[in-house]
Amino acid sequence: MATASSSSSSGMVTERRGIPGAQFVEDVQTYLTQAGLDVNSALAFLQERLQQYKLVEMKLQAQQRDLQAKIPDIEKCLDVVATLQAKKGTGEALITDFEVSEGIYSRASIEDTDSVCLWLGANVMLEYSCEEATGLLRRNLDNAKASLEVLLADLQFLRDQVTITQVTIARVYNWDVHQRRLRQASPKDS
């Protein structure tokens, strides 16, 4: 997934799924010279990049919350379909309470059934056989878990980039403070 996009003497800059990699700066003077920036411009650029990382992190965390809420729902649906299949052929009705709307429930008696209706979203509900529903739900569950793994890896990569950028900001700032002190001290020495 991660690919090298450019390299420099201070390390490899990588990109992951559109998230640009941060460059660790070992020598601030060389970095500023190569980039053609003064200290204030470099700090402004790094602060802007840090804000971009924070924005992307918020979006990825929202996607993570959505996926983490979706996975238990899919698992619950799989359990319901499995329960319906287990009760099938026993001649015993399944008595259950279901939510009609928020806070309003109704009791239902479900006789032997060969199909279930799955809510697909966007005001779409389709009827599937129990076997088809199980297959679809398992695929959706596998896809959601795989997406969550990729998302977690993206978040870890992003956190690393945030840390590198914060360290670089500190190094540039500290280098500037050191240079100012040197400039202030040199007129007194001469």
C-alpha atoms as a PDB file:
ATOM      1  CA  MET A   1       0.000   0.000   0.000  1.00  0.00           C
ATOM      2  CA  ALA A   2       2.698   2.489   0.947  1.00  0.00           C
ATOM      3  CA  THR A   3       4.854   3.648  -1.909  1.00  0.00           C
ATOM      4  CA  ALA A   4       7.928   5.791  -2.015  1.00  0.00           C
ATOM      5  CA  SER A   5       7.271   9.132  -3.623  1.00  0.00           C
ATOM      6  CA  SER A   6      10.603  10.874  -3.096  1.00  0.00           C
ATOM      7  CA  SER A   7      13.736  10.544  -1.069  1.00  0.00           C
ATOM      8  CA  SER A   8      16.301  12.869   0.384  1.00  0.00           C
ATOM      9  CA  SER A   9      19.427  12.608   2.446  1.00  0.00           C
ATOM     10  CA  SER A  10      17.375  12.951   5.644  1.00  0.00           C
ATOM     11  CA  GLY A  11      15.123   9.949   4.988  1.00  0.00           C
ATOM     12  CA  MET A  12      12.392   8.454   2.866  1.00  0.00           C
ATOM     13  CA  VAL A  13       9.122  10.331   2.382  1.00  0.00           C
ATOM     14  CA  THR A  14       6.215   7.968   1.700  1.00  0.00           C
ATOM     15  CA  GLU A  15       2.561   8.247   0.807  1.00  0.00           C
ATOM     16  CA  ARG A  16      -0.285   5.984   1.882  1.00  0.00           C
ATOM     17  CA  ARG A  17      -3.674   6.122   0.167  1.00  0.00           C
ATOM     18  CA  GLY A  18      -3.342   9.819  -0.663  1.00  0.00           C
ATOM     19  CA  ILE A  19      -1.899  10.842   2.705  1.00  0.00           C
ATOM     20  CA  PRO A  20       1.462  12.522   2.072  1.00  0.00           C
ATOM     21  CA  GLY A  21       4.363  11.426   4.207  1.00  0.00           C
ATOM     22  CA  ALA A  22       6.174  13.817   6.503  1.00  0.00           C
ATOM     23  CA  GLN A  23       9.893  14.356   6.093  1.00  0.00           C
ATOM     24  CA  PHE A  24      12.012  14.059   9.215  1.00  0.00           C
ATOM     25  CA  VAL A  25      14.464  16.939   9.264  1.00  0.00           C
ATOM     26  CA  GLU A  26      17.878  16.106  10.670  1.00  0.00           C
ATOM     27  CA  ASP A  27      19.660  19.279   9.570  1.00  0.00           C
ATOM     28  CA  VAL A  28      17.414  22.331   9.704  1.00  0.00           C
ATOM     29  CA  GLN A  29      19.826  24.596   7.803  1.00  0.00           C
ATOM     30  CA  THR A  30      20.024  22.132   4.897  1.00  0.00           C
ATOM     31  CA  TYR A  31      16.244  21.670   4.929  1.00  0.00           C
ATOM     32  CA  LEU A  32      15.611  25.423   4.760  1.00  0.00           C
ATOM     33  CA  THR A  33      18.198  25.889   2.005  1.00  0.00           C
ATOM     34  CA  GLN A  34      16.895  22.994  -0.121  1.00  0.00           C
ATOM     35  CA  ALA A  35      13.272  24.083   0.324  1.00  0.00           C
ATOM     36  CA  GLY A  36      14.166  27.729  -0.335  1.00  0.00           C
ATOM     37  CA  LEU A  37      12.247  28.854   2.747  1.00  0.00           C
ATOM     38  CA  ASP A  38      12.935  31.131   5.653  1.00  0.00           C
ATOM     39  CA  VAL A  39      12.098  29.985   9.171  1.00  0.00           C
ATOM     40  CA  ASN A  40       8.681  31.663   9.324  1.00  0.00           C
ATOM     41  CA  SER A  41       7.626  30.251   5.948  1.00  0.00           C
ATOM     42  CA  ALA A  42       8.824  26.781   6.936  1.00  0.00           C
ATOM     43  CA  LEU A  43       6.939  26.943  10.236  1.00  0.00           C
ATOM     44  CA  ALA A  44       3.802  28.169   8.462  1.00  0.00           C
ATOM     45  CA  PHE A  45       4.060  25.334   5.917  1.00  0.00           C
ATOM     46  CA  LEU A  46       4.579  22.740   8.659  1.00  0.00           C
ATOM     47  CA  GLN A  47       1.678  24.115  10.728  1.00  0.00           C
ATOM     48  CA  GLU A  48      -0.582  23.981   7.673  1.00  0.00           C
ATOM     49  CA  ARG A  49       0.480  20.395   6.970  1.00  0.00           C
ATOM     50  CA  LEU A  50      -0.194  19.524  10.620  1.00  0.00           C
ATOM     51  CA  GLN A  51      -3.707  20.966  10.344  1.00  0.00           C
ATOM     52  CA  GLN A  52      -4.293  18.951   7.173  1.00  0.00           C
ATOM     53  CA  TYR A  53      -3.225  15.796   9.002  1.00  0.00           C
ATOM     54  CA  LYS A  54      -5.589  16.614  11.876  1.00  0.00           C
ATOM     55  CA  LEU A  55      -8.481  17.108   9.449  1.00  0.00           C
ATOM     56  CA  VAL A  56      -7.811  13.789   7.714  1.00  0.00           C
ATOM     57  CA  GLU A  57      -7.489  12.128  11.132  1.00  0.00           C
ATOM     58  CA  MET A  58     -10.933  13.408  12.145  1.00  0.00           C
ATOM     59  CA  LYS A  59     -12.450  12.045   8.925  1.00  0.00           C
ATOM     60  CA  LEU A  60     -10.790   8.657   9.375  1.00  0.00           C
ATOM     61  CA  GLN A  61     -11.928   8.478  12.995  1.00  0.00           C
ATOM     62  CA  ALA A  62     -15.512   9.166  11.889  1.00  0.00           C
ATOM     63  CA  GLN A  63     -15.234   6.333   9.355  1.00  0.00           C
ATOM     64  CA  GLN A  64     -13.805   4.114  12.095  1.00  0.00           C
ATOM     65  CA  ARG A  65     -16.759   4.864  14.390  1.00  0.00           C
ATOM     66  CA  ASP A  66     -19.191   4.097  11.551  1.00  0.00           C
ATOM     67  CA  LEU A  67     -17.519   0.761  10.803  1.00  0.00           C
ATOM     68  CA  GLN A  68     -17.295  -0.153  14.482  1.00  0.00           C
ATOM     69  CA  ALA A  69     -21.053   0.472  14.795  1.00  0.00           C
ATOM     70  CA  LYS A  70     -21.820  -1.399  11.561  1.00  0.00           C
ATOM     71  CA  ILE A  71     -19.975  -4.632  12.455  1.00  0.00           C
ATOM     72  CA  PRO A  72     -22.109  -5.499  15.535  1.00  0.00           C
ATOM     73  CA  ASP A  73     -25.275  -4.752  13.530  1.00  0.00           C
ATOM     74  CA  ILE A  74     -24.224  -7.191  10.812  1.00  0.00           C
ATOM     75  CA  GLU A  75     -23.306  -9.806  13.411  1.00  0.00           C
ATOM     76  CA  LYS A  76     -26.721  -9.350  15.059  1.00  0.00           C
ATOM     77  CA  CYS A  77     -28.439  -9.822  11.700  1.00  0.00           C
ATOM     78  CA  LEU A  78     -26.436 -13.007  11.121  1.00  0.00           C
ATOM     79  CA  ASP A  79     -27.538 -14.296  14.541  1.00  0.00           C
ATOM     80  CA  VAL A  80     -31.193 -13.557  13.739  1.00  0.00           C
ATOM     81  CA  VAL A  81     -30.999 -15.390  10.402  1.00  0.00           C
ATOM     82  CA  ALA A  82     -29.246 -18.328  12.112  1.00  0.00           C
ATOM     83  CA  THR A  83     -31.984 -18.422  14.765  1.00  0.00           C
ATOM     84  CA  LEU A  84     -34.670 -18.434  12.074  1.00  0.00           C
ATOM     85  CA  GLN A  85     -32.911 -21.279  10.270  1.00  0.00           C
ATOM     86  CA  ALA A  86     -32.551 -23.228  13.521  1.00  0.00           C
ATOM     87  CA  LYS A  87     -36.277 -22.880  14.284  1.00  0.00           C
ATOM     88  CA  LYS A  88     -37.221 -23.847  10.732  1.00  0.00           C
ATOM     89  CA  GLY A  89     -38.856 -27.243  10.532  1.00  0.00           C
ATOM     90  CA  THR A  90     -39.396 -27.618  14.290  1.00  0.00           C
ATOM     91  CA  GLY A  91     -43.028 -26.537  14.026  1.00  0.00           C
ATOM     92  CA  GLU A  92     -42.360 -24.120  16.856  1.00  0.00           C
ATOM     93  CA  ALA A  93     -43.115 -20.430  16.294  1.00  0.00           C
ATOM     94  CA  LEU A  94     -40.500 -17.871  17.209  1.00  0.00           C
ATOM     95  CA  ILE A  95     -41.927 -15.162  19.487  1.00  0.00           C
ATOM     96  CA  THR A  96     -40.008 -11.902  19.351  1.00  0.00           C
ATOM     97  CA  ASP A  97     -40.311  -8.197  20.062  1.00  0.00           C
ATOM     98  CA  PHE A  98     -39.214  -5.854  17.293  1.00  0.00           C
ATOM     99  CA  GLU A  99     -38.791  -2.108  17.180  1.00  0.00           C
ATOM    100  CA  VAL A 100     -41.441  -0.336  15.116  1.00  0.00           C
ATOM    101  CA  SER A 101     -39.963   3.105  15.740  1.00  0.00           C
ATOM    102  CA  GLU A 102     -37.776   4.607  18.408  1.00  0.00           C
ATOM    103  CA  GLY A 103     -38.997   3.318  21.764  1.00  0.00           C
ATOM    104  CA  ILE A 104     -42.060   1.556  20.314  1.00  0.00           C
ATOM    105  CA  TYR A 105     -41.988  -2.227  20.139  1.00  0.00           C
ATOM    106  CA  SER A 106     -44.424  -4.845  18.934  1.00  0.00           C
ATOM    107  CA  ARG A 107     -44.599  -8.574  19.551  1.00  0.00           C
ATOM    108  CA  ALA A 108     -44.538 -10.935  16.588  1.00  0.00           C
ATOM    109  CA  SER A 109     -44.929 -14.654  16.086  1.00  0.00           C
ATOM    110  CA  ILE A 110     -42.756 -15.914  13.236  1.00  0.00           C
ATOM    111  CA  GLU A 111     -43.764 -19.219  11.723  1.00  0.00           C
ATOM    112  CA  ASP A 112     -41.490 -21.318   9.506  1.00  0.00           C
ATOM    113  CA  THR A 113     -40.011 -19.035   6.907  1.00  0.00           C
ATOM    114  CA  ASP A 114     -37.773 -19.554   3.920  1.00  0.00           C
ATOM    115  CA  SER A 115     -36.875 -15.903   3.429  1.00  0.00           C
ATOM    116  CA  VAL A 116     -35.944 -12.737   5.249  1.00  0.00           C
ATOM    117  CA  CYS A 117     -36.021  -9.071   4.282  1.00  0.00           C
ATOM    118  CA  LEU A 118     -32.788  -7.126   4.622  1.00  0.00           C
ATOM    119  CA  TRP A 119     -32.669  -3.360   4.864  1.00  0.00           C
ATOM    120  CA  LEU A 120     -30.045  -2.187   2.388  1.00  0.00           C
ATOM    121  CA  GLY A 121     -30.368   1.518   3.148  1.00  0.00           C
ATOM    122  CA  ALA A 122     -31.576   4.420   1.013  1.00  0.00           C
ATOM    123  CA  ASN A 123     -35.170   3.266   1.617  1.00  0.00           C
ATOM    124  CA  VAL A 124     -34.455  -0.084  -0.053  1.00  0.00           C
ATOM    125  CA  MET A 125     -35.390  -3.447   1.442  1.00  0.00           C
ATOM    126  CA  LEU A 126     -34.998  -6.735  -0.417  1.00  0.00           C
ATOM    127  CA  GLU A 127     -36.225 -10.224   0.296  1.00  0.00           C
ATOM    128  CA  TYR A 128     -33.594 -12.978   0.310  1.00  0.00           C
ATOM    129  CA  SER A 129     -33.698 -16.668   1.043  1.00  0.00           C
ATOM    130  CA  CYS A 130     -32.097 -17.458   4.397  1.00  0.00           C
ATOM    131  CA  GLU A 131     -29.041 -18.962   2.652  1.00  0.00           C
ATOM    132  CA  GLU A 132     -28.610 -15.936   0.355  1.00  0.00           C
ATOM    133  CA  ALA A 133     -29.043 -13.573   3.310  1.00  0.00           C
ATOM    134  CA  THR A 134     -26.418 -15.456   5.314  1.00  0.00           C
ATOM    135  CA  GLY A 135     -23.980 -15.311   2.397  1.00  0.00           C
ATOM    136  CA  LEU A 136     -24.584 -11.607   1.807  1.00  0.00           C
ATOM    137  CA  LEU A 137     -24.254 -10.761   5.487  1.00  0.00           C
ATOM    138  CA  ARG A 138     -21.036 -12.781   5.820  1.00  0.00           C
ATOM    139  CA  ARG A 139     -19.530 -10.993   2.795  1.00  0.00           C
ATOM    140  CA  ASN A 140     -20.584  -7.633   4.235  1.00  0.00           C
ATOM    141  CA  LEU A 141     -19.083  -8.564   7.596  1.00  0.00           C
ATOM    142  CA  ASP A 142     -15.800  -9.672   5.993  1.00  0.00           C
ATOM    143  CA  ASN A 143     -15.661  -6.473   3.914  1.00  0.00           C
ATOM    144  CA  ALA A 144     -16.377  -4.288   6.958  1.00  0.00           C
ATOM    145  CA  LYS A 145     -13.664  -6.016   9.005  1.00  0.00           C
ATOM    146  CA  ALA A 146     -11.154  -5.716   6.149  1.00  0.00           C
ATOM    147  CA  SER A 147     -12.030  -2.019   5.713  1.00  0.00           C
ATOM    148  CA  LEU A 148     -11.572  -1.469   9.439  1.00  0.00           C
ATOM    149  CA  GLU A 149      -8.113  -3.075   9.337  1.00  0.00           C
ATOM    150  CA  VAL A 150      -7.052  -0.823   6.441  1.00  0.00           C
ATOM    151  CA  LEU A 151      -8.516   2.192   8.226  1.00  0.00           C
ATOM    152  CA  LEU A 152      -6.625   1.383  11.433  1.00  0.00           C
ATOM    153  CA  ALA A 153      -3.387   1.078   9.447  1.00  0.00           C
ATOM    154  CA  ASP A 154      -4.121   4.437   7.793  1.00  0.00           C
ATOM    155  CA  LEU A 155      -4.748   6.013  11.199  1.00  0.00           C
ATOM    156  CA  GLN A 156      -1.468   4.629  12.538  1.00  0.00           C
ATOM    157  CA  PHE A 157       0.400   5.951   9.492  1.00  0.00           C
ATOM    158  CA  LEU A 158      -1.284   9.330   9.972  1.00  0.00           C
ATOM    159  CA  ARG A 159      -0.379   9.461  13.670  1.00  0.00           C
ATOM    160  CA  ASP A 160       3.240   8.766  12.734  1.00  0.00           C
ATOM    161  CA  GLN A 161       3.140  11.650  10.237  1.00  0.00           C
ATOM    162  CA  VAL A 162       1.647  13.961  12.876  1.00  0.00           C
ATOM    163  CA  THR A 163       4.426  13.045  15.303  1.00  0.00           C
ATOM    164  CA  ILE A 164       7.137  13.570  12.680  1.00  0.00           C
ATOM    165  CA  THR A 165       5.645  16.939  11.722  1.00  0.00           C
ATOM    166  CA  GLN A 166       5.406  18.057  15.361  1.00  0.00           C
ATOM    167  CA  VAL A 167       9.028  17.069  15.959  1.00  0.00           C
ATOM    168  CA  THR A 168      10.086  18.914  12.803  1.00  0.00           C
ATOM    169  CA  ILE A 169       8.221  22.046  13.911  1.00  0.00           C
ATOM    170  CA  ALA A 170       9.991  21.870  17.282  1.00  0.00           C
ATOM    171  CA  ARG A 171      13.384  21.349  15.623  1.00  0.00           C
ATOM    172  CA  VAL A 172      12.920  24.302  13.234  1.00  0.00           C
ATOM    173  CA  TYR A 173      11.686  26.551  16.036  1.00  0.00           C
ATOM    174  CA  ASN A 174      14.516  25.554  18.395  1.00  0.00           C
ATOM    175  CA  TRP A 175      17.074  26.021  15.601  1.00  0.00           C
ATOM    176  CA  ASP A 176      15.703  29.531  14.998  1.00  0.00           C
ATOM    177  CA  VAL A 177      15.894  30.393  18.706  1.00  0.00           C
ATOM    178  CA  HIS A 178      19.481  29.107  18.796  1.00  0.00           C
ATOM    179  CA  GLN A 179      20.408  31.169  15.701  1.00  0.00           C
ATOM    180  CA  ARG A 180      18.886  34.322  17.216  1.00  0.00           C
ATOM    181  CA  ARG A 181      20.851  33.814  20.415  1.00  0.00           C
ATOM    182  CA  LEU A 182      24.036  33.356  18.410  1.00  0.00           C
ATOM    183  CA  ARG A 183      23.347  36.585  16.469  1.00  0.00           C
ATOM    184  CA  GLN A 184      22.662  38.482  19.718  1.00  0.00           C
ATOM    185  CA  ALA A 185      25.821  37.134  21.340  1.00  0.00           C
ATOM    186  CA  SER A 186      28.166  37.856  18.417  1.00  0.00           C
ATOM    187  CA  PRO A 187      27.972  41.717  18.482  1.00  0.00           C
ATOM    188  CA  LYS A 188      28.790  41.680  22.208  1.00  0.00           C
ATOM    189  CA  ASP A 189      31.860  39.482  21.662  1.00  0.00           C
ATOM    190  CA  SER A 190      33.404  41.742  18.976  1.00  0.00           C
END
